[in-house]
Amino acid sequence: MADRSQGESALVHFNERLTNSAAFGTLFREGMDLVEETAAYLDGAGRIEAKALERAVSLTYATESMRLTTRLMQLASWLLLHRAVKEGEMTLTQANREKTKVKLSAADPGPDDMITKLPQQLQDLIARSMSLQSKVRRLDGTIHAPAAETTTIGNPLVPQLNRLKAAFEQ
């Protein structure tokens, strides 16, 4: 019996290791690249395209670019927070407390009929940011899932494998 409890305490909790995974590294790069690309677009070509829009669409452009920026800043905050965990600058418990300040549901886009009137590049950035937000939400749910109760029935790796599967499904 003592061997069993020793073995259970030695289980690796994958949710604590996900920030060190290649998938997190890829997601981090994707997110930061999207932030940079969006900033460059909104400061450059997007500004020029916005001036050519009719008044109603111009208002939608302004609203959606603000929503996009807000969404990306929240996602970047989450990614940077979890990179700090990866780098050993904070624990997952500390990150869990800090992440309450990050709103992963921030600034969903407006109605599709208005989005389709926007310049194509802005539409693409909005779609990519929503995809990134979805991936981050899934990973967040896995990383910060409550610790599973230990059961004595079955393979103890099954719940962890299921969490990994859920985190990386597209």
N, C-alpha and C. Protein backbone atom coordinates (compact mmCIF):
# COMPACT_ATOMS: atom_id res chain seq x y z
N MET A 1 0.82 -1.19 0.00
CA MET A 1 0.00 0.00 0.00
C MET A 1 0.87 1.26 0.00
N ALA A 2 1.97 1.23 0.76
CA ALA A 2 2.88 2.38 0.79
C ALA A 2 3.46 2.63 -0.59
N ASP A 3 3.75 1.55 -1.33
CA ASP A 3 4.29 1.71 -2.68
C ASP A 3 3.30 2.41 -3.58
N ARG A 4 2.01 2.11 -3.44
CA ARG A 4 0.98 2.70 -4.28
C ARG A 4 0.90 4.22 -4.06
N SER A 5 0.87 4.64 -2.80
CA SER A 5 0.76 6.08 -2.55
C SER A 5 2.03 6.80 -3.00
N GLN A 6 3.16 6.15 -2.88
CA GLN A 6 4.40 6.74 -3.36
C GLN A 6 4.34 6.91 -4.88
N GLY A 7 3.82 5.92 -5.56
CA GLY A 7 3.70 5.96 -7.02
C GLY A 7 2.72 7.03 -7.46
N GLU A 8 1.62 7.20 -6.73
CA GLU A 8 0.64 8.21 -7.09
C GLU A 8 1.19 9.60 -6.89
N SER A 9 1.98 9.81 -5.85
CA SER A 9 2.54 11.15 -5.64
C SER A 9 3.62 11.46 -6.66
N ALA A 10 4.15 10.45 -7.30
CA ALA A 10 5.20 10.65 -8.30
C ALA A 10 4.62 10.90 -9.69
N LEU A 11 3.29 10.89 -9.83
CA LEU A 11 2.69 11.14 -11.13
C LEU A 11 3.07 12.52 -11.64
N VAL A 12 3.31 12.60 -12.92
CA VAL A 12 3.61 13.88 -13.54
C VAL A 12 2.28 14.53 -13.92
N HIS A 13 2.09 15.76 -13.52
CA HIS A 13 0.89 16.51 -13.89
C HIS A 13 1.20 17.28 -15.16
N PHE A 14 0.67 16.78 -16.29
CA PHE A 14 1.00 17.37 -17.58
C PHE A 14 0.56 18.81 -17.69
N ASN A 15 -0.53 19.19 -17.00
CA ASN A 15 -0.97 20.57 -17.12
C ASN A 15 0.09 21.54 -16.60
N GLU A 16 0.93 21.08 -15.67
CA GLU A 16 2.00 21.92 -15.16
C GLU A 16 3.18 21.99 -16.13
N ARG A 17 3.24 21.10 -17.09
CA ARG A 17 4.36 21.03 -18.03
C ARG A 17 4.03 21.57 -19.42
N LEU A 18 2.77 21.92 -19.65
CA LEU A 18 2.37 22.32 -21.00
C LEU A 18 3.06 23.58 -21.49
N THR A 19 3.42 24.49 -20.58
CA THR A 19 4.10 25.70 -21.04
C THR A 19 5.49 25.41 -21.57
N ASN A 20 6.05 24.25 -21.24
CA ASN A 20 7.36 23.86 -21.76
C ASN A 20 7.26 23.07 -23.06
N SER A 21 6.05 22.86 -23.55
CA SER A 21 5.87 22.04 -24.74
C SER A 21 6.16 22.82 -26.02
N ALA A 22 6.43 22.07 -27.07
CA ALA A 22 6.65 22.68 -28.38
C ALA A 22 5.37 23.36 -28.87
N ALA A 23 4.22 22.80 -28.50
CA ALA A 23 2.94 23.39 -28.91
C ALA A 23 2.77 24.79 -28.31
N PHE A 24 3.17 24.95 -27.04
CA PHE A 24 3.08 26.28 -26.43
C PHE A 24 4.04 27.24 -27.14
N GLY A 25 5.24 26.78 -27.43
CA GLY A 25 6.21 27.63 -28.13
C GLY A 25 5.68 28.10 -29.48
N THR A 26 5.04 27.19 -30.21
CA THR A 26 4.46 27.54 -31.50
C THR A 26 3.33 28.53 -31.33
N LEU A 27 2.47 28.29 -30.34
CA LEU A 27 1.35 29.19 -30.07
C LEU A 27 1.86 30.57 -29.66
N PHE A 28 2.90 30.61 -28.85
CA PHE A 28 3.47 31.88 -28.42
C PHE A 28 3.98 32.67 -29.63
N ARG A 29 4.74 32.02 -30.48
CA ARG A 29 5.27 32.70 -31.67
C ARG A 29 4.13 33.17 -32.58
N GLU A 30 3.13 32.31 -32.77
CA GLU A 30 1.98 32.67 -33.61
C GLU A 30 1.29 33.92 -33.05
N GLY A 31 1.10 33.94 -31.74
CA GLY A 31 0.43 35.08 -31.11
C GLY A 31 1.23 36.37 -31.23
N MET A 32 2.50 36.31 -30.93
CA MET A 32 3.33 37.51 -30.98
C MET A 32 3.49 38.01 -32.42
N ASP A 33 3.61 37.08 -33.36
CA ASP A 33 3.69 37.48 -34.77
C ASP A 33 2.41 38.18 -35.22
N LEU A 34 1.27 37.66 -34.76
CA LEU A 34 -0.02 38.25 -35.12
C LEU A 34 -0.15 39.65 -34.53
N VAL A 35 0.32 39.84 -33.32
CA VAL A 35 0.29 41.17 -32.70
C VAL A 35 1.11 42.15 -33.54
N GLU A 36 2.32 41.75 -33.91
CA GLU A 36 3.19 42.62 -34.72
C GLU A 36 2.59 42.90 -36.09
N GLU A 37 2.08 41.87 -36.74
CA GLU A 37 1.49 42.02 -38.07
C GLU A 37 0.28 42.96 -38.02
N THR A 38 -0.54 42.81 -37.00
CA THR A 38 -1.73 43.65 -36.86
C THR A 38 -1.34 45.10 -36.63
N ALA A 39 -0.36 45.33 -35.76
CA ALA A 39 0.09 46.70 -35.50
C ALA A 39 0.62 47.34 -36.77
N ALA A 40 1.40 46.60 -37.53
CA ALA A 40 1.96 47.14 -38.78
C ALA A 40 0.84 47.46 -39.77
N TYR A 41 -0.14 46.58 -39.87
CA TYR A 41 -1.27 46.81 -40.79
C TYR A 41 -2.07 48.04 -40.37
N LEU A 42 -2.43 48.12 -39.11
CA LEU A 42 -3.27 49.23 -38.65
C LEU A 42 -2.56 50.57 -38.73
N ASP A 43 -1.24 50.57 -38.59
CA ASP A 43 -0.47 51.81 -38.70
C ASP A 43 -0.12 52.15 -40.15
N GLY A 44 -0.23 51.20 -41.05
CA GLY A 44 0.18 51.42 -42.44
C GLY A 44 -0.98 51.31 -43.40
N ALA A 45 -1.04 50.17 -44.07
CA ALA A 45 -2.04 49.96 -45.13
C ALA A 45 -3.47 50.10 -44.60
N GLY A 46 -3.71 49.67 -43.38
CA GLY A 46 -5.05 49.77 -42.81
C GLY A 46 -5.53 51.21 -42.69
N ARG A 47 -4.62 52.09 -42.33
CA ARG A 47 -4.96 53.51 -42.20
C ARG A 47 -5.38 54.08 -43.56
N ILE A 48 -4.66 53.69 -44.58
CA ILE A 48 -4.97 54.15 -45.94
C ILE A 48 -6.31 53.57 -46.39
N GLU A 49 -6.51 52.28 -46.17
CA GLU A 49 -7.77 51.64 -46.57
C GLU A 49 -8.96 52.23 -45.82
N ALA A 50 -8.78 52.59 -44.56
CA ALA A 50 -9.88 53.14 -43.75
C ALA A 50 -10.37 54.48 -44.32
N LYS A 51 -9.45 55.26 -44.85
CA LYS A 51 -9.82 56.57 -45.39
C LYS A 51 -10.69 56.45 -46.64
N ALA A 52 -10.58 55.34 -47.34
CA ALA A 52 -11.34 55.15 -48.58
C ALA A 52 -12.73 54.54 -48.33
N LEU A 53 -13.05 54.19 -47.10
CA LEU A 53 -14.33 53.54 -46.80
C LEU A 53 -15.45 54.56 -46.67
N GLU A 54 -16.68 54.12 -46.98
CA GLU A 54 -17.84 55.00 -46.75
C GLU A 54 -18.06 55.14 -45.24
N ARG A 55 -18.79 56.13 -44.84
CA ARG A 55 -18.92 56.53 -43.44
C ARG A 55 -19.35 55.38 -42.51
N ALA A 56 -20.39 54.64 -42.84
CA ALA A 56 -20.88 53.56 -41.98
C ALA A 56 -19.84 52.45 -41.83
N VAL A 57 -19.19 52.12 -42.91
CA VAL A 57 -18.17 51.08 -42.88
C VAL A 57 -16.93 51.59 -42.14
N SER A 58 -16.66 52.86 -42.27
CA SER A 58 -15.53 53.46 -41.56
C SER A 58 -15.72 53.36 -40.05
N LEU A 59 -16.94 53.55 -39.59
CA LEU A 59 -17.24 53.41 -38.16
C LEU A 59 -17.06 51.94 -37.73
N THR A 60 -17.49 51.02 -38.56
CA THR A 60 -17.28 49.59 -38.27
C THR A 60 -15.80 49.27 -38.25
N TYR A 61 -15.05 49.84 -39.18
CA TYR A 61 -13.60 49.63 -39.21
C TYR A 61 -12.98 50.07 -37.89
N ALA A 62 -13.34 51.26 -37.43
CA ALA A 62 -12.79 51.78 -36.18
C ALA A 62 -13.16 50.87 -35.00
N THR A 63 -14.40 50.46 -34.95
CA THR A 63 -14.86 49.59 -33.86
C THR A 63 -14.15 48.25 -33.89
N GLU A 64 -14.08 47.64 -35.07
CA GLU A 64 -13.47 46.31 -35.18
C GLU A 64 -11.96 46.35 -34.98
N SER A 65 -11.30 47.41 -35.41
CA SER A 65 -9.86 47.49 -35.17
C SER A 65 -9.59 47.65 -33.68
N MET A 66 -10.47 48.37 -32.96
CA MET A 66 -10.31 48.48 -31.51
C MET A 66 -10.56 47.13 -30.84
N ARG A 67 -11.58 46.42 -31.27
CA ARG A 67 -11.86 45.09 -30.71
C ARG A 67 -10.70 44.14 -30.97
N LEU A 68 -10.18 44.19 -32.18
CA LEU A 68 -9.06 43.33 -32.55
C LEU A 68 -7.85 43.64 -31.68
N THR A 69 -7.55 44.89 -31.50
CA THR A 69 -6.41 45.29 -30.68
C THR A 69 -6.60 44.84 -29.23
N THR A 70 -7.79 45.03 -28.70
CA THR A 70 -8.09 44.61 -27.33
C THR A 70 -7.93 43.11 -27.18
N ARG A 71 -8.49 42.36 -28.13
CA ARG A 71 -8.41 40.89 -28.08
C ARG A 71 -6.95 40.44 -28.11
N LEU A 72 -6.18 41.02 -29.01
CA LEU A 72 -4.77 40.63 -29.14
C LEU A 72 -3.95 41.00 -27.90
N MET A 73 -4.25 42.13 -27.29
CA MET A 73 -3.51 42.52 -26.08
C MET A 73 -3.82 41.57 -24.93
N GLN A 74 -5.06 41.12 -24.83
CA GLN A 74 -5.42 40.15 -23.79
C GLN A 74 -4.72 38.81 -24.05
N LEU A 75 -4.70 38.39 -25.30
CA LEU A 75 -4.03 37.13 -25.65
C LEU A 75 -2.52 37.24 -25.43
N ALA A 76 -1.94 38.36 -25.79
CA ALA A 76 -0.51 38.56 -25.57
C ALA A 76 -0.20 38.54 -24.07
N SER A 77 -1.06 39.13 -23.27
CA SER A 77 -0.86 39.12 -21.81
C SER A 77 -0.85 37.69 -21.29
N TRP A 78 -1.81 36.88 -21.76
CA TRP A 78 -1.88 35.48 -21.33
C TRP A 78 -0.61 34.74 -21.76
N LEU A 79 -0.21 34.93 -22.99
CA LEU A 79 0.98 34.24 -23.50
C LEU A 79 2.24 34.65 -22.74
N LEU A 80 2.38 35.92 -22.47
CA LEU A 80 3.56 36.39 -21.73
C LEU A 80 3.56 35.89 -20.29
N LEU A 81 2.39 35.82 -19.69
CA LEU A 81 2.26 35.30 -18.33
C LEU A 81 2.73 33.84 -18.28
N HIS A 82 2.32 33.06 -19.26
CA HIS A 82 2.68 31.65 -19.27
C HIS A 82 4.11 31.42 -19.76
N ARG A 83 4.64 32.36 -20.52
CA ARG A 83 6.06 32.27 -20.84
C ARG A 83 6.88 32.49 -19.57
N ALA A 84 6.41 33.35 -18.69
CA ALA A 84 7.10 33.57 -17.41
C ALA A 84 7.13 32.28 -16.59
N VAL A 85 6.06 31.49 -16.68
CA VAL A 85 6.05 30.18 -16.02
C VAL A 85 7.10 29.29 -16.66
N LYS A 86 7.13 29.27 -17.97
CA LYS A 86 8.10 28.45 -18.70
C LYS A 86 9.52 28.82 -18.34
N GLU A 87 9.78 30.11 -18.20
CA GLU A 87 11.13 30.59 -17.90
C GLU A 87 11.48 30.46 -16.42
N GLY A 88 10.51 30.01 -15.60
CA GLY A 88 10.77 29.85 -14.17
C GLY A 88 10.69 31.14 -13.38
N GLU A 89 10.14 32.19 -14.00
CA GLU A 89 10.02 33.47 -13.32
C GLU A 89 8.85 33.51 -12.35
N MET A 90 7.90 32.61 -12.53
CA MET A 90 6.77 32.48 -11.62
C MET A 90 6.25 31.05 -11.67
N THR A 91 5.48 30.69 -10.67
CA THR A 91 4.91 29.34 -10.62
C THR A 91 3.57 29.35 -11.34
N LEU A 92 3.08 28.16 -11.64
CA LEU A 92 1.77 28.04 -12.27
C LEU A 92 0.68 28.57 -11.33
N THR A 93 0.86 28.39 -10.04
CA THR A 93 -0.10 28.90 -9.07
C THR A 93 -0.14 30.42 -9.11
N GLN A 94 1.02 31.05 -9.19
CA GLN A 94 1.07 32.51 -9.31
C GLN A 94 0.42 32.97 -10.61
N ALA A 95 0.70 32.27 -11.69
CA ALA A 95 0.11 32.61 -12.99
C ALA A 95 -1.41 32.46 -12.94
N ASN A 96 -1.87 31.44 -12.24
CA ASN A 96 -3.31 31.22 -12.12
C ASN A 96 -3.98 32.41 -11.43
N ARG A 97 -3.33 32.95 -10.42
CA ARG A 97 -3.88 34.13 -9.73
C ARG A 97 -3.84 35.36 -10.65
N GLU A 98 -2.75 35.53 -11.35
CA GLU A 98 -2.59 36.70 -12.21
C GLU A 98 -3.49 36.65 -13.45
N LYS A 99 -3.78 35.46 -13.93
CA LYS A 99 -4.55 35.34 -15.17
C LYS A 99 -6.00 35.78 -15.00
N THR A 100 -6.43 35.96 -13.75
CA THR A 100 -7.80 36.45 -13.54
C THR A 100 -7.95 37.87 -14.09
N LYS A 101 -6.86 38.57 -14.30
CA LYS A 101 -6.89 39.92 -14.86
C LYS A 101 -7.00 39.90 -16.39
N VAL A 102 -6.76 38.74 -16.98
CA VAL A 102 -6.79 38.60 -18.43
C VAL A 102 -8.17 38.09 -18.84
N LYS A 103 -8.77 38.76 -19.78
CA LYS A 103 -10.11 38.39 -20.26
C LYS A 103 -9.99 37.70 -21.61
N LEU A 104 -10.06 36.37 -21.59
CA LEU A 104 -9.92 35.61 -22.84
C LEU A 104 -11.18 35.65 -23.70
N SER A 105 -12.22 36.25 -23.20
CA SER A 105 -13.43 36.39 -24.01
C SER A 105 -13.62 37.83 -24.45
N ALA A 106 -12.59 38.62 -24.32
CA ALA A 106 -12.68 40.06 -24.61
C ALA A 106 -12.92 40.33 -26.09
N ALA A 107 -13.80 41.27 -26.34
CA ALA A 107 -13.96 41.90 -27.64
C ALA A 107 -14.26 40.96 -28.79
N ASP A 108 -15.30 40.17 -28.66
CA ASP A 108 -15.72 39.35 -29.81
C ASP A 108 -16.15 40.28 -30.94
N PRO A 109 -15.94 39.87 -32.19
CA PRO A 109 -16.27 40.75 -33.31
C PRO A 109 -17.78 40.96 -33.44
N GLY A 110 -18.12 42.00 -34.18
CA GLY A 110 -19.52 42.33 -34.43
C GLY A 110 -20.16 41.39 -35.44
N PRO A 111 -21.34 41.77 -35.92
CA PRO A 111 -22.09 40.92 -36.86
C PRO A 111 -21.34 40.65 -38.16
N ASP A 112 -21.50 39.44 -38.67
CA ASP A 112 -20.81 39.02 -39.90
C ASP A 112 -21.12 39.94 -41.08
N ASP A 113 -22.37 40.42 -41.18
CA ASP A 113 -22.72 41.25 -42.33
C ASP A 113 -21.93 42.56 -42.35
N MET A 114 -21.50 43.03 -41.20
CA MET A 114 -20.68 44.24 -41.15
C MET A 114 -19.20 43.90 -41.38
N ILE A 115 -18.77 42.76 -40.84
CA ILE A 115 -17.37 42.35 -40.99
C ILE A 115 -17.03 42.15 -42.47
N THR A 116 -17.96 41.59 -43.22
CA THR A 116 -17.68 41.32 -44.64
C THR A 116 -17.51 42.59 -45.46
N LYS A 117 -17.91 43.74 -44.94
CA LYS A 117 -17.74 45.01 -45.66
C LYS A 117 -16.36 45.63 -45.41
N LEU A 118 -15.62 45.06 -44.49
CA LEU A 118 -14.30 45.59 -44.14
C LEU A 118 -13.25 45.13 -45.15
N PRO A 119 -12.11 45.82 -45.21
CA PRO A 119 -11.03 45.38 -46.10
C PRO A 119 -10.63 43.93 -45.78
N GLN A 120 -10.29 43.20 -46.82
CA GLN A 120 -9.99 41.77 -46.69
C GLN A 120 -8.88 41.49 -45.68
N GLN A 121 -7.85 42.31 -45.66
CA GLN A 121 -6.74 42.05 -44.73
C GLN A 121 -7.20 42.18 -43.28
N LEU A 122 -8.07 43.14 -42.99
CA LEU A 122 -8.59 43.27 -41.63
C LEU A 122 -9.47 42.08 -41.29
N GLN A 123 -10.27 41.64 -42.24
CA GLN A 123 -11.10 40.44 -42.01
C GLN A 123 -10.22 39.24 -41.68
N ASP A 124 -9.12 39.08 -42.40
CA ASP A 124 -8.21 37.96 -42.16
C ASP A 124 -7.58 38.05 -40.77
N LEU A 125 -7.17 39.24 -40.38
CA LEU A 125 -6.58 39.43 -39.05
C LEU A 125 -7.60 39.12 -37.95
N ILE A 126 -8.83 39.53 -38.15
CA ILE A 126 -9.89 39.24 -37.17
C ILE A 126 -10.08 37.73 -37.06
N ALA A 127 -10.17 37.06 -38.21
CA ALA A 127 -10.37 35.60 -38.21
C ALA A 127 -9.20 34.88 -37.54
N ARG A 128 -7.99 35.29 -37.85
CA ARG A 128 -6.81 34.66 -37.24
C ARG A 128 -6.76 34.93 -35.74
N SER A 129 -7.17 36.11 -35.32
CA SER A 129 -7.18 36.40 -33.87
C SER A 129 -8.22 35.56 -33.15
N MET A 130 -9.33 35.31 -33.80
CA MET A 130 -10.38 34.47 -33.19
C MET A 130 -9.90 33.02 -33.09
N SER A 131 -9.17 32.56 -34.10
CA SER A 131 -8.61 31.22 -34.06
C SER A 131 -7.58 31.10 -32.93
N LEU A 132 -6.72 32.11 -32.81
CA LEU A 132 -5.74 32.13 -31.73
C LEU A 132 -6.43 32.14 -30.38
N GLN A 133 -7.47 32.94 -30.26
CA GLN A 133 -8.21 33.02 -29.00
C GLN A 133 -8.80 31.66 -28.63
N SER A 134 -9.31 30.96 -29.60
CA SER A 134 -9.86 29.63 -29.36
C SER A 134 -8.79 28.66 -28.87
N LYS A 135 -7.63 28.69 -29.51
CA LYS A 135 -6.52 27.81 -29.09
C LYS A 135 -6.06 28.14 -27.68
N VAL A 136 -5.95 29.43 -27.37
CA VAL A 136 -5.50 29.84 -26.04
C VAL A 136 -6.53 29.44 -24.99
N ARG A 137 -7.81 29.60 -25.30
CA ARG A 137 -8.86 29.19 -24.35
C ARG A 137 -8.77 27.70 -24.04
N ARG A 138 -8.57 26.89 -25.09
CA ARG A 138 -8.45 25.43 -24.87
C ARG A 138 -7.25 25.11 -24.01
N LEU A 139 -6.12 25.72 -24.33
CA LEU A 139 -4.90 25.47 -23.56
C LEU A 139 -5.05 25.97 -22.13
N ASP A 140 -5.69 27.11 -21.96
CA ASP A 140 -5.93 27.65 -20.62
C ASP A 140 -6.78 26.69 -19.80
N GLY A 141 -7.81 26.15 -20.42
CA GLY A 141 -8.67 25.19 -19.72
C GLY A 141 -7.93 23.94 -19.30
N THR A 142 -6.94 23.55 -20.08
CA THR A 142 -6.15 22.37 -19.75
C THR A 142 -5.11 22.68 -18.68
N ILE A 143 -4.39 23.77 -18.87
CA ILE A 143 -3.34 24.13 -17.92
C ILE A 143 -3.91 24.41 -16.54
N HIS A 144 -5.03 25.09 -16.49
CA HIS A 144 -5.59 25.52 -15.22
C HIS A 144 -6.77 24.66 -14.76
N ALA A 145 -6.87 23.46 -15.33
CA ALA A 145 -7.93 22.54 -14.89
C ALA A 145 -7.68 22.14 -13.44
N PRO A 146 -8.75 22.00 -12.66
CA PRO A 146 -8.56 21.55 -11.28
C PRO A 146 -7.92 20.17 -11.26
N ALA A 147 -7.13 19.92 -10.24
CA ALA A 147 -6.47 18.62 -10.12
C ALA A 147 -7.52 17.53 -10.06
N ALA A 148 -7.30 16.51 -10.86
CA ALA A 148 -8.24 15.39 -10.90
C ALA A 148 -8.09 14.54 -9.64
N GLU A 149 -9.22 14.02 -9.21
CA GLU A 149 -9.17 13.12 -8.05
C GLU A 149 -8.47 11.83 -8.45
N THR A 150 -7.69 11.31 -7.55
CA THR A 150 -6.99 10.07 -7.83
C THR A 150 -7.93 8.90 -7.58
N THR A 151 -7.98 8.03 -8.54
CA THR A 151 -8.80 6.83 -8.37
C THR A 151 -7.90 5.61 -8.39
N THR A 152 -8.36 4.57 -7.80
CA THR A 152 -7.55 3.35 -7.76
C THR A 152 -7.94 2.40 -8.88
N ILE A 153 -8.91 2.79 -9.70
CA ILE A 153 -9.37 1.92 -10.77
C ILE A 153 -8.80 2.41 -12.10
N GLY A 154 -8.27 1.50 -12.89
CA GLY A 154 -7.82 1.83 -14.23
C GLY A 154 -6.43 2.43 -14.28
N ASN A 155 -6.07 2.86 -15.44
CA ASN A 155 -4.76 3.43 -15.72
C ASN A 155 -4.72 4.90 -15.30
N PRO A 156 -3.81 5.29 -14.42
CA PRO A 156 -3.77 6.68 -13.96
C PRO A 156 -3.36 7.68 -15.04
N LEU A 157 -2.85 7.19 -16.15
CA LEU A 157 -2.43 8.09 -17.23
C LEU A 157 -3.59 8.52 -18.12
N VAL A 158 -4.70 7.79 -18.10
CA VAL A 158 -5.81 8.08 -18.99
C VAL A 158 -6.33 9.51 -18.82
N PRO A 159 -6.61 9.99 -17.59
CA PRO A 159 -7.09 11.38 -17.48
C PRO A 159 -6.08 12.40 -18.02
N GLN A 160 -4.80 12.16 -17.80
CA GLN A 160 -3.79 13.09 -18.30
C GLN A 160 -3.71 13.05 -19.82
N LEU A 161 -3.79 11.86 -20.39
CA LEU A 161 -3.77 11.73 -21.85
C LEU A 161 -5.00 12.40 -22.46
N ASN A 162 -6.15 12.28 -21.80
CA ASN A 162 -7.37 12.92 -22.29
C ASN A 162 -7.23 14.44 -22.26
N ARG A 163 -6.60 14.98 -21.22
CA ARG A 163 -6.40 16.43 -21.14
C ARG A 163 -5.45 16.89 -22.24
N LEU A 164 -4.41 16.13 -22.51
CA LEU A 164 -3.49 16.48 -23.59
C LEU A 164 -4.21 16.47 -24.93
N LYS A 165 -5.00 15.44 -25.14
CA LYS A 165 -5.75 15.31 -26.38
C LYS A 165 -6.67 16.52 -26.56
N ALA A 166 -7.38 16.89 -25.50
CA ALA A 166 -8.30 18.04 -25.57
C ALA A 166 -7.54 19.34 -25.83
N ALA A 167 -6.36 19.48 -25.28
CA ALA A 167 -5.59 20.71 -25.43
C ALA A 167 -5.09 20.91 -26.86
N PHE A 168 -4.77 19.83 -27.53
CA PHE A 168 -4.13 19.99 -28.83
C PHE A 168 -4.99 19.60 -30.02
N GLU A 169 -6.28 19.34 -29.79
CA GLU A 169 -7.18 19.08 -30.91
C GLU A 169 -7.44 20.38 -31.63
N GLN A 170 -7.53 20.30 -32.91
CA GLN A 170 -7.79 21.52 -33.71
C GLN A 170 -9.23 21.61 -34.06
